[in-house]
PDB file of N, CA and C in Angstrom:
ATOM      1  N   MET A   1       2.116  -5.422  26.241  1.00  0.00           N
ATOM      2  CA  MET A   1       3.162  -5.279  25.269  1.00  0.00           C
ATOM      3  C   MET A   1       2.541  -5.418  23.798  1.00  0.00           C
ATOM      4  N   ALA A   2       1.674  -6.477  23.727  1.00  0.00           N
ATOM      5  CA  ALA A   2       0.900  -6.648  22.526  1.00  0.00           C
ATOM      6  C   ALA A   2      -0.058  -5.424  22.248  1.00  0.00           C
ATOM      7  N   ASP A   3      -0.578  -4.848  23.041  1.00  0.00           N
ATOM      8  CA  ASP A   3      -1.612  -3.659  22.906  1.00  0.00           C
ATOM      9  C   ASP A   3      -0.698  -2.481  22.359  1.00  0.00           C
ATOM     10  N   ALA A   4       0.451  -2.223  22.903  1.00  0.00           N
ATOM     11  CA  ALA A   4       1.371  -1.087  22.377  1.00  0.00           C
ATOM     12  C   ALA A   4       1.732  -1.405  20.956  1.00  0.00           C
ATOM     13  N   LEU A   5       2.070  -2.579  20.771  1.00  0.00           N
ATOM     14  CA  LEU A   5       2.446  -3.047  19.219  1.00  0.00           C
ATOM     15  C   LEU A   5       1.354  -2.815  18.289  1.00  0.00           C
ATOM     16  N   ILE A   6       0.157  -3.240  18.738  1.00  0.00           N
ATOM     17  CA  ILE A   6      -1.036  -3.006  17.712  1.00  0.00           C
ATOM     18  C   ILE A   6      -1.286  -1.593  17.607  1.00  0.00           C
ATOM     19  N   ALA A   7      -1.066  -0.659  18.557  1.00  0.00           N
ATOM     20  CA  ALA A   7      -1.334   0.674  18.594  1.00  0.00           C
ATOM     21  C   ALA A   7      -0.308   1.334  17.625  1.00  0.00           C
ATOM     22  N   VAL A   8       0.970   0.921  17.751  1.00  0.00           N
ATOM     23  CA  VAL A   8       2.037   1.520  16.870  1.00  0.00           C
ATOM     24  C   VAL A   8       1.616   1.072  15.385  1.00  0.00           C
ATOM     25  N   VAL A   9       1.345  -0.157  15.119  1.00  0.00           N
ATOM     26  CA  VAL A   9       1.022  -0.468  13.735  1.00  0.00           C
ATOM     27  C   VAL A   9      -0.229   0.227  13.290  1.00  0.00           C
ATOM     28  N   LEU A  10      -1.273   0.300  14.066  1.00  0.00           N
ATOM     29  CA  LEU A  10      -2.413   1.195  13.557  1.00  0.00           C
ATOM     30  C   LEU A  10      -2.076   2.520  13.307  1.00  0.00           C
ATOM     31  N   LEU A  11      -1.089   3.174  14.081  1.00  0.00           N
ATOM     32  CA  LEU A  11      -0.652   4.476  13.782  1.00  0.00           C
ATOM     33  C   LEU A  11       0.048   4.493  12.451  1.00  0.00           C
ATOM     34  N   LEU A  12       0.862   3.563  12.211  1.00  0.00           N
ATOM     35  CA  LEU A  12       1.674   3.401  10.841  1.00  0.00           C
ATOM     36  C   LEU A  12       0.697   3.213   9.809  1.00  0.00           C
ATOM     37  N   VAL A  13      -0.412   2.376   9.980  1.00  0.00           N
ATOM     38  CA  VAL A  13      -1.377   2.192   9.011  1.00  0.00           C
ATOM     39  C   VAL A  13      -2.030   3.507   8.558  1.00  0.00           C
ATOM     40  N   ALA A  14      -2.455   4.350   9.667  1.00  0.00           N
ATOM     41  CA  ALA A  14      -3.129   5.594   9.526  1.00  0.00           C
ATOM     42  C   ALA A  14      -2.402   6.647   8.833  1.00  0.00           C
ATOM     43  N   ALA A  15      -1.041   6.752   9.202  1.00  0.00           N
ATOM     44  CA  ALA A  15      -0.079   7.559   8.555  1.00  0.00           C
ATOM     45  C   ALA A  15       0.139   7.286   7.117  1.00  0.00           C
ATOM     46  N   THR A  16       0.329   5.983   6.834  1.00  0.00           N
ATOM     47  CA  THR A  16       0.608   5.839   5.415  1.00  0.00           C
ATOM     48  C   THR A  16      -0.768   5.940   4.389  1.00  0.00           C
ATOM     49  N   ALA A  17      -1.900   5.635   5.088  1.00  0.00           N
ATOM     50  CA  ALA A  17      -2.992   5.960   4.327  1.00  0.00           C
ATOM     51  C   ALA A  17      -3.100   7.410   4.121  1.00  0.00           C
ATOM     52  N   THR A  18      -3.012   8.219   5.177  1.00  0.00           N
ATOM     53  CA  THR A  18      -3.148   9.743   4.867  1.00  0.00           C
ATOM     54  C   THR A  18      -2.159  10.247   3.868  1.00  0.00           C
ATOM     55  N   VAL A  19      -1.005   9.722   3.916  1.00  0.00           N
ATOM     56  CA  VAL A  19      -0.037  10.075   2.902  1.00  0.00           C
ATOM     57  C   VAL A  19      -0.387   9.746   1.540  1.00  0.00           C
ATOM     58  N   ALA A  20      -0.953   8.406   1.392  1.00  0.00           N
ATOM     59  CA  ALA A  20      -1.466   8.054   0.139  1.00  0.00           C
ATOM     60  C   ALA A  20      -2.462   8.892  -0.441  1.00  0.00           C
ATOM     61  N   VAL A  21      -3.431   9.413   0.416  1.00  0.00           N
ATOM     62  CA  VAL A  21      -4.463  10.287  -0.038  1.00  0.00           C
ATOM     63  C   VAL A  21      -3.949  11.623  -0.437  1.00  0.00           C
ATOM     64  N   LEU A  22      -2.959  12.084   0.211  1.00  0.00           N
ATOM     65  CA  LEU A  22      -2.608  13.431  -0.025  1.00  0.00           C
ATOM     66  C   LEU A  22      -1.560  13.539  -1.173  1.00  0.00           C
ATOM     67  N   GLN A  23      -1.163  12.436  -1.865  1.00  0.00           N
ATOM     68  CA  GLN A  23      -0.277  12.533  -3.015  1.00  0.00           C
ATOM     69  C   GLN A  23      -1.161  12.928  -4.203  1.00  0.00           C
ATOM     70  N   ARG A  24      -0.363  13.682  -5.120  1.00  0.00           N
ATOM     71  CA  ARG A  24      -1.214  14.126  -6.285  1.00  0.00           C
ATOM     72  C   ARG A  24      -0.722  13.311  -7.493  1.00  0.00           C
ATOM     73  N   ASP A  25       0.418  12.895  -7.477  1.00  0.00           N
ATOM     74  CA  ASP A  25       1.147  12.060  -8.678  1.00  0.00           C
ATOM     75  C   ASP A  25       0.598  10.518  -8.467  1.00  0.00           C
ATOM     76  N   PRO A  26      -0.194  10.029  -9.466  1.00  0.00           N
ATOM     77  CA  PRO A  26      -0.608   8.652  -9.486  1.00  0.00           C
ATOM     78  C   PRO A  26       0.688   7.505  -9.194  1.00  0.00           C
ATOM     79  N   ALA A  27       1.789   7.927  -9.714  1.00  0.00           N
ATOM     80  CA  ALA A  27       2.955   6.937  -9.588  1.00  0.00           C
ATOM     81  C   ALA A  27       3.272   6.971  -8.114  1.00  0.00           C
ATOM     82  N   ARG A  28       3.471   8.111  -7.474  1.00  0.00           N
ATOM     83  CA  ARG A  28       3.757   8.201  -5.992  1.00  0.00           C
ATOM     84  C   ARG A  28       2.657   7.617  -5.255  1.00  0.00           C
ATOM     85  N   GLN A  29       1.495   7.753  -5.617  1.00  0.00           N
ATOM     86  CA  GLN A  29       0.314   7.188  -4.899  1.00  0.00           C
ATOM     87  C   GLN A  29       0.519   5.653  -4.944  1.00  0.00           C
ATOM     88  N   ALA A  30       0.990   5.018  -5.937  1.00  0.00           N
ATOM     89  CA  ALA A  30       1.095   3.656  -6.186  1.00  0.00           C
ATOM     90  C   ALA A  30       2.216   3.091  -5.162  1.00  0.00           C
ATOM     91  N   VAL A  31       3.193   3.832  -5.092  1.00  0.00           N
ATOM     92  CA  VAL A  31       4.501   3.658  -4.166  1.00  0.00           C
ATOM     93  C   VAL A  31       3.983   3.581  -2.726  1.00  0.00           C
ATOM     94  N   VAL A  32       3.271   4.623  -2.430  1.00  0.00           N
ATOM     95  CA  VAL A  32       2.765   4.718  -1.010  1.00  0.00           C
ATOM     96  C   VAL A  32       1.711   3.659  -0.768  1.00  0.00           C
ATOM     97  N   LEU A  33       0.878   3.346  -1.745  1.00  0.00           N
ATOM     98  CA  LEU A  33      -0.064   2.218  -1.529  1.00  0.00           C
ATOM     99  C   LEU A  33       0.807   0.969  -1.390  1.00  0.00           C
ATOM    100  N   SER A  34       1.794   0.609  -1.867  1.00  0.00           N
ATOM    101  CA  SER A  34       2.631  -0.370  -1.611  1.00  0.00           C
ATOM    102  C   SER A  34       3.076  -0.583  -0.138  1.00  0.00           C
ATOM    103  N   LEU A  35       3.521   0.752   0.342  1.00  0.00           N
ATOM    104  CA  LEU A  35       3.861   0.806   1.819  1.00  0.00           C
ATOM    105  C   LEU A  35       2.802   0.611   2.730  1.00  0.00           C
ATOM    106  N   LEU A  36       1.524   1.059   2.308  1.00  0.00           N
ATOM    107  CA  LEU A  36       0.326   0.916   3.055  1.00  0.00           C
ATOM    108  C   LEU A  36      -0.015  -0.682   3.072  1.00  0.00           C
ATOM    109  N   GLY A  37       0.122  -1.278   1.987  1.00  0.00           N
ATOM    110  CA  GLY A  37       0.078  -2.937   1.947  1.00  0.00           C
ATOM    111  C   GLY A  37       0.881  -3.533   2.873  1.00  0.00           C
ATOM    112  N   LEU A  38       2.058  -2.984   3.036  1.00  0.00           N
ATOM    113  CA  LEU A  38       3.172  -3.659   3.885  1.00  0.00           C
ATOM    114  C   LEU A  38       2.640  -3.418   5.476  1.00  0.00           C
ATOM    115  N   ALA A  39       2.146  -2.161   5.623  1.00  0.00           N
ATOM    116  CA  ALA A  39       1.819  -1.887   7.007  1.00  0.00           C
ATOM    117  C   ALA A  39       0.493  -2.558   7.363  1.00  0.00           C
ATOM    118  N   LEU A  40      -0.340  -2.816   6.426  1.00  0.00           N
ATOM    119  CA  LEU A  40      -1.648  -3.665   6.690  1.00  0.00           C
ATOM    120  C   LEU A  40      -1.193  -5.159   6.966  1.00  0.00           C
ATOM    121  N   ALA A  41      -0.190  -5.631   6.194  1.00  0.00           N
ATOM    122  CA  ALA A  41       0.195  -6.978   6.327  1.00  0.00           C
ATOM    123  C   ALA A  41       0.737  -7.131   7.817  1.00  0.00           C
ATOM    124  N   ALA A  42       1.600  -6.206   8.218  1.00  0.00           N
ATOM    125  CA  ALA A  42       2.002  -6.265   9.578  1.00  0.00           C
ATOM    126  C   ALA A  42       0.876  -6.078  10.519  1.00  0.00           C
ATOM    127  N   LEU A  43      -0.194  -5.319  10.209  1.00  0.00           N
ATOM    128  CA  LEU A  43      -1.214  -5.247  11.259  1.00  0.00           C
ATOM    129  C   LEU A  43      -1.910  -6.616  11.401  1.00  0.00           C
ATOM    130  N   PHE A  44      -2.073  -7.225  10.275  1.00  0.00           N
ATOM    131  CA  PHE A  44      -2.889  -8.437  10.057  1.00  0.00           C
ATOM    132  C   PHE A  44      -1.944  -9.652  10.955  1.00  0.00           C
ATOM    133  N   THR A  45      -0.713  -9.490  10.746  1.00  0.00           N
ATOM    134  CA  THR A  45       0.223 -10.534  11.545  1.00  0.00           C
ATOM    135  C   THR A  45       0.141 -10.203  13.031  1.00  0.00           C
ATOM    136  N   VAL A  46       0.181  -9.078  13.465  1.00  0.00           N
ATOM    137  CA  VAL A  46       0.161  -8.561  14.773  1.00  0.00           C
ATOM    138  C   VAL A  46      -1.234  -9.130  15.349  1.00  0.00           C
ATOM    139  N   LEU A  47      -2.254  -9.018  14.719  1.00  0.00           N
ATOM    140  CA  LEU A  47      -3.668  -9.330  15.045  1.00  0.00           C
ATOM    141  C   LEU A  47      -3.898 -10.919  14.923  1.00  0.00           C
ATOM    142  N   GLN A  48      -2.757 -11.612  14.699  1.00  0.00           N
ATOM    143  CA  GLN A  48      -2.848 -13.162  14.654  1.00  0.00           C
ATOM    144  C   GLN A  48      -3.652 -13.666  13.514  1.00  0.00           C
ATOM    145  N   ALA A  49      -3.509 -13.062  12.444  1.00  0.00           N
ATOM    146  CA  ALA A  49      -4.253 -13.538  11.182  1.00  0.00           C
ATOM    147  C   ALA A  49      -2.987 -13.594  10.036  1.00  0.00           C
ATOM    148  N   PRO A  50      -2.175 -14.631  10.180  1.00  0.00           N
ATOM    149  CA  PRO A  50      -1.075 -14.520   9.161  1.00  0.00           C
ATOM    150  C   PRO A  50      -1.352 -14.916   7.878  1.00  0.00           C
ATOM    151  N   ASP A  51      -2.417 -15.750   7.554  1.00  0.00           N
ATOM    152  CA  ASP A  51      -2.856 -16.034   6.352  1.00  0.00           C
ATOM    153  C   ASP A  51      -3.294 -14.941   5.642  1.00  0.00           C
ATOM    154  N   VAL A  52      -4.260 -14.013   6.257  1.00  0.00           N
ATOM    155  CA  VAL A  52      -4.711 -12.628   5.669  1.00  0.00           C
ATOM    156  C   VAL A  52      -3.464 -11.752   5.487  1.00  0.00           C
ATOM    157  N   GLY A  53      -2.505 -11.839   6.392  1.00  0.00           N
ATOM    158  CA  GLY A  53      -1.267 -10.964   6.266  1.00  0.00           C
ATOM    159  C   GLY A  53      -0.455 -11.287   4.855  1.00  0.00           C
ATOM    160  N   LEU A  54      -0.367 -12.612   4.599  1.00  0.00           N
ATOM    161  CA  LEU A  54       0.366 -13.062   3.538  1.00  0.00           C
ATOM    162  C   LEU A  54      -0.379 -12.599   2.221  1.00  0.00           C
ATOM    163  N   ALA A  55      -1.650 -12.770   2.298  1.00  0.00           N
ATOM    164  CA  ALA A  55      -2.450 -12.456   1.118  1.00  0.00           C
ATOM    165  C   ALA A  55      -2.336 -10.884   0.841  1.00  0.00           C
ATOM    166  N   GLN A  56      -2.317 -10.208   1.927  1.00  0.00           N
ATOM    167  CA  GLN A  56      -2.379  -8.766   1.699  1.00  0.00           C
ATOM    168  C   GLN A  56      -0.956  -8.398   1.301  1.00  0.00           C
ATOM    169  N   LEU A  57       0.181  -9.071   1.787  1.00  0.00           N
ATOM    170  CA  LEU A  57       1.493  -8.798   1.314  1.00  0.00           C
ATOM    171  C   LEU A  57       1.663  -9.111  -0.233  1.00  0.00           C
ATOM    172  N   ALA A  58       1.028 -10.116  -0.715  1.00  0.00           N
ATOM    173  CA  ALA A  58       1.184 -10.265  -2.126  1.00  0.00           C
ATOM    174  C   ALA A  58       0.299  -9.376  -3.019  1.00  0.00           C
ATOM    175  N   VAL A  59      -0.944  -9.289  -2.510  1.00  0.00           N
ATOM    176  CA  VAL A  59      -1.866  -8.530  -3.364  1.00  0.00           C
ATOM    177  C   VAL A  59      -1.698  -6.951  -3.180  1.00  0.00           C
ATOM    178  N   GLY A  60      -1.790  -6.598  -2.049  1.00  0.00           N
ATOM    179  CA  GLY A  60      -1.873  -5.184  -1.610  1.00  0.00           C
ATOM    180  C   GLY A  60      -0.413  -4.343  -1.738  1.00  0.00           C
ATOM    181  N   SER A  61       0.663  -5.099  -1.593  1.00  0.00           N
ATOM    182  CA  SER A  61       1.939  -4.516  -1.678  1.00  0.00           C
ATOM    183  C   SER A  61       2.814  -4.776  -2.873  1.00  0.00           C
ATOM    184  N   ALA A  62       2.228  -5.698  -3.706  1.00  0.00           N
ATOM    185  CA  ALA A  62       2.891  -6.145  -4.878  1.00  0.00           C
ATOM    186  C   ALA A  62       2.077  -6.005  -6.185  1.00  0.00           C
ATOM    187  N   VAL A  63       1.007  -6.718  -6.194  1.00  0.00           N
ATOM    188  CA  VAL A  63       0.200  -6.878  -7.530  1.00  0.00           C
ATOM    189  C   VAL A  63      -0.579  -5.578  -7.797  1.00  0.00           C
ATOM    190  N   THR A  64      -1.245  -5.081  -6.931  1.00  0.00           N
ATOM    191  CA  THR A  64      -2.184  -3.741  -7.081  1.00  0.00           C
ATOM    192  C   THR A  64      -1.178  -2.562  -7.494  1.00  0.00           C
ATOM    193  N   PRO A  65      -0.203  -2.245  -6.709  1.00  0.00           N
ATOM    194  CA  PRO A  65       0.700  -1.129  -7.151  1.00  0.00           C
ATOM    195  C   PRO A  65       1.287  -1.366  -8.413  1.00  0.00           C
ATOM    196  N   LEU A  66       1.691  -2.659  -8.775  1.00  0.00           N
ATOM    197  CA  LEU A  66       2.345  -2.839 -10.039  1.00  0.00           C
ATOM    198  C   LEU A  66       1.314  -2.539 -11.085  1.00  0.00           C
ATOM    199  N   MET A  67       0.060  -2.992 -11.109  1.00  0.00           N
ATOM    200  CA  MET A  67      -0.802  -2.790 -12.098  1.00  0.00           C
ATOM    201  C   MET A  67      -1.132  -1.393 -12.375  1.00  0.00           C
ATOM    202  N   ILE A  68      -1.158  -0.453 -11.132  1.00  0.00           N
ATOM    203  CA  ILE A  68      -1.390   0.890 -11.213  1.00  0.00           C
ATOM    204  C   ILE A  68      -0.131   1.509 -11.911  1.00  0.00           C
ATOM    205  N   LEU A  69       0.951   1.199 -11.647  1.00  0.00           N
ATOM    206  CA  LEU A  69       2.244   1.753 -12.240  1.00  0.00           C
ATOM    207  C   LEU A  69       2.282   1.499 -13.592  1.00  0.00           C
ATOM    208  N   LEU A  70       1.935   0.203 -14.248  1.00  0.00           N
ATOM    209  CA  LEU A  70       1.879  -0.074 -15.505  1.00  0.00           C
ATOM    210  C   LEU A  70       0.795   0.651 -16.215  1.00  0.00           C
ATOM    211  N   THR A  71      -0.329   0.963 -15.779  1.00  0.00           N
ATOM    212  CA  THR A  71      -1.277   1.684 -16.355  1.00  0.00           C
ATOM    213  C   THR A  71      -1.086   3.053 -16.382  1.00  0.00           C
ATOM    214  N   VAL A  72      -0.392   3.519 -15.410  1.00  0.00           N
ATOM    215  CA  VAL A  72       0.051   5.059 -15.434  1.00  0.00           C
ATOM    216  C   VAL A  72       0.972   5.271 -16.551  1.00  0.00           C
ATOM    217  N   ARG A  73       2.002   4.337 -16.686  1.00  0.00           N
ATOM    218  CA  ARG A  73       2.958   4.452 -17.655  1.00  0.00           C
ATOM    219  C   ARG A  73       2.478   4.298 -18.978  1.00  0.00           C
ATOM    220  N   LYS A  74       1.416   3.442 -19.251  1.00  0.00           N
ATOM    221  CA  LYS A  74       0.770   3.227 -20.534  1.00  0.00           C
ATOM    222  C   LYS A  74      -0.007   4.602 -20.891  1.00  0.00           C
ATOM    223  N   ILE A  75      -0.673   5.102 -19.989  1.00  0.00           N
ATOM    224  CA  ILE A  75      -1.535   6.306 -20.297  1.00  0.00           C
ATOM    225  C   ILE A  75      -0.482   7.433 -20.534  1.00  0.00           C
ATOM    226  N   ARG A  76       0.449   7.673 -19.819  1.00  0.00           N
ATOM    227  CA  ARG A  76       1.309   8.692 -20.127  1.00  0.00           C
ATOM    228  C   ARG A  76       2.155   8.569 -21.429  1.00  0.00           C
ATOM    229  N   ARG A  77       2.510   7.245 -21.835  1.00  0.00           N
ATOM    230  CA  ARG A  77       3.179   7.171 -23.041  1.00  0.00           C
ATOM    231  C   ARG A  77       2.144   7.382 -24.147  1.00  0.00           C
ATOM    232  N   ASP A  78       0.858   6.869 -24.089  1.00  0.00           N
ATOM    233  CA  ASP A  78      -0.048   7.201 -25.218  1.00  0.00           C
ATOM    234  C   ASP A  78      -0.546   8.657 -25.303  1.00  0.00           C
ATOM    235  N   GLY A  79      -0.287   9.433 -24.159  1.00  0.00           N
ATOM    236  CA  GLY A  79      -0.710  10.799 -24.231  1.00  0.00           C
ATOM    237  C   GLY A  79       0.351  11.562 -24.968  1.00  0.00           C
ATOM    238  N   ARG A  80       1.611  11.156 -24.915  1.00  0.00           N
ATOM    239  CA  ARG A  80       2.799  11.704 -25.583  1.00  0.00           C
ATOM    240  C   ARG A  80       2.750  11.539 -27.115  1.00  0.00           C
ATOM    241  N   ARG A  81       2.086  10.545 -27.645  1.00  0.00           N
ATOM    242  CA  ARG A  81       2.082  10.168 -28.991  1.00  0.00           C
ATOM    243  C   ARG A  81       0.861  11.056 -29.624  1.00  0.00           C
ATOM    244  N   GLU A  82      -0.015  11.456 -28.980  1.00  0.00           N
ATOM    245  CA  GLU A  82      -1.160  12.309 -29.581  1.00  0.00           C
ATOM    246  C   GLU A  82      -0.711  13.597 -29.919  1.00  0.00           C
TER     247      GLU A  82
END
């Protein structure tokens, strides 16, 4: 049972990583990156590393995508002013 769960979560990680790479819009990439962070947190939890999973949940699915979205917003706003 555990091996099947690991395989499913690995497929989910691979799928979300592929979708993140194929996105052209940086804002959409950030949203998919957040989903990838959630999938990786689930993978770490399934692999019995809950502390790493919690860190990934905080950083990979919240902080990093937020910083990317704020940067994209600032760049787009500054580009309109010029």
